[in-house]
Structures are given as C-alpha cells and as structure tokens.
Amino acid sequence: MTSSIKISPSILSADFSKLGEEIVSLDKAGADYIHVDVMDGHFVPNLTIGPEVVKKLRPFTKKTFDVHLMISPVDNYIKSFSEAGSDIITFHPEATDNIAHTIGLIKKYNKKVGVSLKPKSRINLIEKYINEIDLILIMSVEPGFGGQKFMPEVLDKVKSLRKIISERNLKIDIEIDGGINFNNSKQVKDAGANILVSGSTIFNENNGDLKKNIGLLRSS
C-alpha cells in the first residue's frame, strides 16, 4: 500500500527567504509533489504567494506542482497559474459561480483538475462533476493558516468518497491537508487518502530531517 502513497510537502512551512533552495531539498528528500497554498486574504483570512512566485520557483524542480487556490473568484487566476507552471490546479466549489465552467477552464490549459472540500463542505457539492475531476482535496483543518490541529471528523468524508470512486471504477486521487502528522497518517491512509499534504511535520520534526519525515509519513 505504501508504494502508492504520495507525499506533497506544503511550502507554506518552508523558509520563504530561500524558497528555491527549500524546493531543491524537498526534491532530493523524495517528495512526490510540491504543494503550493495560494491564499488571497478574501476567500480565506491570509495572504500568500501569486503566480509570479510560482513561475520563479518552477525551474528548481521537475516534480509536480500541486497548486491549491484558496482565492475567489477563482476563474480570474486559472490562466496565470497555469502559465506559471502549475500541474494540478485545485479550487473550492464555493469560489466559483459555475463549477463546470471552472473545470473546463483548467482542462483548457491541459492541467489536472482538483476540487477541495472544506471541513463543513458536503460531498454533494461536487458529486455530479466527479467524472471530470482528477483529485479531491479534503481539508482536515479550516483553510487559511498552517499549523492547525487535525479534525478527525473529516475521515468519514474520505471514506465515503473512496467508496464512490471505487464503485464507479474512477481514477481519482484523494488528497488530505491539515494537521497531518506521524500520529494520524495511518488513519487517513486507512480511510482512503493516497496523497498526504504536510507542512509543519515535514519541516520541523526530527530536527528538520526532510527525507526521514517524508519517509515516515509515507510508511507509518
């Protein structure tokens, strides 16, 4: 099972004064994806990086850029983040007036489509579009800030989604983000998540030993 588990370190917890170097280190440490949290100070109460930073970071690795857009209205930014080098673009259903249109826009730029559900967002928001989606990101904290405590109540949502995906024989990744650590990583994998996003644990545990922390999250 562990071979199919992917780890997507969140650069929200990296040292922003040397982001390029941090990404090179994550690449060497065995990260599968690089998770980029984009916040606009409007859809969520925090402000992070824009497409120009993604563009500058792109040459530092060939790993998949897993870009989570916590911005509204999201359609205005899909072109610029696509052209900056994103590989997966994930949006929130609440950040668009037309989910089908937003999915189409991401596909237009030949990017993988991700849709994110906040802890209180229900599966039926996206169920009718599920055949068009490549990745579902389950937030296990309220989006907006790093370092929050994991909310175990979202695991039922992960299980329900995994059941739907299996029953319909779909190839959709389930990613989970928020408070993921060595204590709960087995729980989330058992529930059906196959991509784990982690920031604080990867950058801070074991004296910042990225390779060790990525390996532990993948195998524990």
Protein backbone atom coordinates (compact mmCIF):
# COMPACT_ATOMS: atom_id res chain seq x y z
CA MET A 1 0.00 0.00 0.00
CA THR A 2 2.75 2.46 0.92
CA SER A 3 4.19 2.47 -2.60
CA SER A 4 1.01 4.14 -3.88
CA ILE A 5 1.06 6.82 -1.18
CA LYS A 6 2.34 10.19 -2.33
CA ILE A 7 3.67 12.95 -0.09
CA SER A 8 3.11 16.57 -1.06
CA PRO A 9 5.05 18.88 1.29
CA SER A 10 3.46 22.28 1.78
CA ILE A 11 5.92 25.10 1.17
CA LEU A 12 3.77 27.26 3.46
CA SER A 13 6.03 25.90 6.23
CA ALA A 14 9.28 26.45 4.30
CA ASP A 15 11.74 29.30 4.81
CA PHE A 16 10.40 31.95 2.42
CA SER A 17 13.78 33.70 2.30
CA LYS A 18 15.19 30.70 0.38
CA LEU A 19 12.20 29.00 -1.23
CA GLY A 20 14.12 27.80 -4.28
CA GLU A 21 16.68 26.00 -2.10
CA GLU A 22 13.89 24.54 0.03
CA ILE A 23 12.24 23.06 -3.07
CA VAL A 24 15.52 21.54 -4.24
CA SER A 25 15.91 19.98 -0.76
CA LEU A 26 12.35 18.57 -0.87
CA ASP A 27 13.02 17.12 -4.32
CA LYS A 28 16.19 15.40 -3.10
CA ALA A 29 14.41 14.18 0.04
CA GLY A 30 11.89 12.21 -2.04
CA ALA A 31 8.82 14.45 -2.15
CA ASP A 32 6.36 13.29 -4.81
CA TYR A 33 4.67 16.67 -5.30
CA ILE A 34 5.29 20.23 -4.17
CA HIS A 35 2.16 21.67 -2.54
CA VAL A 36 1.64 25.39 -3.09
CA ASP A 37 -1.02 27.10 -0.97
CA VAL A 38 -2.34 30.24 -2.62
CA MET A 39 -4.44 32.50 -0.38
CA ASP A 40 -5.97 35.84 -1.29
CA GLY A 41 -6.90 37.40 2.07
CA HIS A 42 -10.51 37.35 0.85
CA PHE A 43 -11.69 33.74 0.41
CA VAL A 44 -9.52 32.83 3.41
CA PRO A 45 -8.09 35.18 6.07
CA ASN A 46 -4.47 35.06 4.99
CA LEU A 47 -2.32 36.19 2.07
CA THR A 48 0.42 34.13 0.45
CA ILE A 49 2.02 33.89 -2.98
CA GLY A 50 0.94 34.75 -6.51
CA PRO A 51 1.62 33.29 -9.96
CA GLU A 52 4.88 35.22 -10.41
CA VAL A 53 6.41 33.38 -7.44
CA VAL A 54 5.26 30.01 -8.83
CA LYS A 55 6.87 30.93 -12.15
CA LYS A 56 10.17 31.78 -10.42
CA LEU A 57 10.10 28.51 -8.44
CA ARG A 58 9.28 26.28 -11.42
CA PRO A 59 12.89 25.82 -12.67
CA PHE A 60 14.02 24.41 -9.30
CA THR A 61 12.32 21.01 -9.77
CA LYS A 62 10.54 18.80 -12.26
CA LYS A 63 8.25 17.44 -9.55
CA THR A 64 4.51 18.02 -9.86
CA PHE A 65 3.38 21.46 -8.69
CA ASP A 66 0.22 20.76 -6.71
CA VAL A 67 -1.37 24.23 -6.51
CA HIS A 68 -4.29 24.83 -4.13
CA LEU A 69 -6.13 28.04 -4.99
CA MET A 70 -7.93 29.48 -1.97
CA ILE A 71 -8.99 32.53 -3.95
CA SER A 72 -12.28 33.95 -5.16
CA PRO A 73 -13.42 34.46 -7.87
CA VAL A 74 -11.06 31.68 -8.90
CA ASP A 75 -11.63 31.78 -12.68
CA ASN A 76 -9.71 35.07 -12.97
CA TYR A 77 -6.47 33.37 -11.89
CA ILE A 78 -6.50 29.98 -13.63
CA LYS A 79 -4.73 31.22 -16.77
CA SER A 80 -1.90 32.92 -14.88
CA PHE A 81 -1.28 29.99 -12.53
CA SER A 82 -1.41 27.56 -15.46
CA GLU A 83 1.14 29.57 -17.42
CA ALA A 84 3.33 29.90 -14.30
CA GLY A 85 3.90 26.12 -14.28
CA SER A 86 1.18 24.53 -12.13
CA ASP A 87 0.49 20.85 -12.89
CA ILE A 88 -2.59 20.32 -10.73
CA ILE A 89 -4.93 23.24 -10.05
CA THR A 90 -7.31 22.77 -7.14
CA PHE A 91 -10.20 25.13 -6.42
CA HIS A 92 -13.09 25.34 -3.95
CA PRO A 93 -16.66 24.96 -5.26
CA GLU A 94 -17.65 27.97 -3.13
CA ALA A 95 -15.11 30.13 -5.03
CA THR A 96 -16.91 29.93 -8.38
CA ASP A 97 -20.41 30.63 -9.71
CA ASN A 98 -20.10 27.78 -12.21
CA ILE A 99 -18.18 24.64 -11.20
CA ALA A 100 -18.44 23.07 -14.67
CA HIS A 101 -17.02 26.22 -16.29
CA THR A 102 -14.08 26.32 -13.85
CA ILE A 103 -13.32 22.64 -14.51
CA GLY A 104 -13.42 23.35 -18.25
CA LEU A 105 -11.07 26.31 -17.84
CA ILE A 106 -8.47 24.18 -16.04
CA LYS A 107 -8.76 21.47 -18.70
CA LYS A 108 -8.39 24.10 -21.42
CA TYR A 109 -4.84 24.70 -20.17
CA ASN A 110 -4.17 20.93 -20.02
CA LYS A 111 -3.86 20.86 -16.26
CA LYS A 112 -5.20 18.25 -13.86
CA VAL A 113 -8.38 19.31 -12.08
CA GLY A 114 -8.55 19.31 -8.30
CA VAL A 115 -11.54 20.26 -6.18
CA SER A 116 -11.21 20.96 -2.46
CA LEU A 117 -13.79 20.43 0.26
CA LYS A 118 -13.52 22.39 3.50
CA PRO A 119 -14.37 20.52 6.74
CA LYS A 120 -18.03 21.54 6.54
CA SER A 121 -18.37 21.29 2.72
CA ARG A 122 -20.52 18.36 1.68
CA ILE A 123 -19.73 15.75 -0.99
CA ASN A 124 -22.93 16.56 -2.90
CA LEU A 125 -21.36 19.90 -3.89
CA ILE A 126 -19.15 18.04 -6.35
CA GLU A 127 -20.73 14.62 -6.88
CA LYS A 128 -22.33 15.45 -10.24
CA TYR A 129 -18.93 16.62 -11.58
CA ILE A 130 -16.90 13.73 -10.21
CA ASN A 131 -16.21 12.13 -13.61
CA GLU A 132 -14.37 15.32 -14.66
CA ILE A 133 -12.14 15.55 -11.59
CA ASP A 134 -8.60 14.16 -11.18
CA LEU A 135 -8.10 14.93 -7.49
CA ILE A 136 -10.27 15.69 -4.46
CA LEU A 137 -8.55 17.59 -1.67
CA ILE A 138 -10.15 17.10 1.73
CA MET A 139 -9.28 19.86 4.18
CA SER A 140 -8.79 18.48 7.69
CA VAL A 141 -8.49 22.00 9.12
CA GLU A 142 -10.24 25.24 8.21
CA PRO A 143 -8.24 26.65 5.27
CA GLY A 144 -6.24 29.81 5.79
CA PHE A 145 -3.39 29.09 8.20
CA GLY A 146 -0.72 26.44 8.71
CA GLY A 147 -0.10 24.61 11.98
CA GLN A 148 -3.74 23.86 12.91
CA LYS A 149 -4.92 20.71 14.67
CA PHE A 150 -6.23 17.80 12.59
CA MET A 151 -10.04 17.37 12.58
CA PRO A 152 -10.74 13.59 12.66
CA GLU A 153 -14.41 14.10 11.78
CA VAL A 154 -13.44 14.59 8.10
CA LEU A 155 -12.37 10.94 7.84
CA ASP A 156 -15.98 9.86 7.21
CA LYS A 157 -15.97 12.11 4.15
CA VAL A 158 -12.75 10.48 2.91
CA LYS A 159 -14.28 7.00 3.38
CA SER A 160 -17.48 7.99 1.56
CA LEU A 161 -15.53 9.44 -1.36
CA ARG A 162 -13.27 6.41 -1.63
CA LYS A 163 -16.40 4.21 -1.75
CA ILE A 164 -17.97 6.31 -4.54
CA ILE A 165 -14.71 6.30 -6.53
CA SER A 166 -14.31 2.52 -6.15
CA GLU A 167 -17.94 1.75 -7.01
CA ARG A 168 -17.76 3.85 -10.17
CA ASN A 169 -14.31 2.49 -11.06
CA LEU A 170 -12.86 6.00 -11.34
CA LYS A 171 -9.21 7.03 -11.14
CA ILE A 172 -9.32 9.94 -8.71
CA ASP A 173 -6.71 10.78 -6.10
CA ILE A 174 -7.89 11.70 -2.62
CA GLU A 175 -5.56 14.20 -1.01
CA ILE A 176 -5.78 15.35 2.59
CA ASP A 177 -4.35 18.54 4.07
CA GLY A 178 -4.36 19.95 7.57
CA GLY A 179 -2.54 18.86 10.71
CA ILE A 180 -1.20 15.65 9.11
CA ASN A 181 1.50 14.09 11.29
CA PHE A 182 3.02 10.74 12.28
CA ASN A 183 0.18 10.08 14.73
CA ASN A 184 -2.68 10.35 12.24
CA SER A 185 -1.06 9.44 8.90
CA LYS A 186 -2.11 5.77 9.17
CA GLN A 187 -5.71 6.80 9.97
CA VAL A 188 -6.01 8.98 6.88
CA LYS A 189 -4.48 6.33 4.63
CA ASP A 190 -6.77 3.65 6.06
CA ALA A 191 -9.74 5.94 5.35
CA GLY A 192 -8.74 6.08 1.67
CA ALA A 193 -6.46 9.09 1.17
CA ASN A 194 -3.49 8.41 -1.10
CA ILE A 195 -1.83 11.86 -1.15
CA LEU A 196 -0.79 13.45 2.14
CA VAL A 197 -0.03 17.14 2.40
CA SER A 198 2.11 18.13 5.34
CA GLY A 199 3.99 21.28 6.23
CA SER A 200 4.92 21.62 9.90
CA THR A 201 5.69 17.91 10.39
CA ILE A 202 7.96 17.67 7.34
CA PHE A 203 9.89 20.85 8.04
CA ASN A 204 10.07 20.76 11.84
CA GLU A 205 10.13 17.18 13.17
CA ASN A 206 13.39 15.25 13.70
CA ASN A 207 15.39 18.48 13.52
CA GLY A 208 14.06 19.19 10.04
CA ASP A 209 15.26 15.91 8.51
CA LEU A 210 13.11 16.16 5.36
CA LYS A 211 13.96 12.73 3.97
CA LYS A 212 13.24 10.97 7.26
CA ASN A 213 9.96 12.84 7.78
CA ILE A 214 8.71 12.22 4.24
CA GLY A 215 9.59 8.52 4.59
CA LEU A 216 7.84 8.23 7.95
CA LEU A 217 4.66 9.83 6.65
CA ARG A 218 4.67 7.53 3.65
CA SER A 219 5.26 4.31 5.57
CA SER A 220 3.70 4.84 9.01
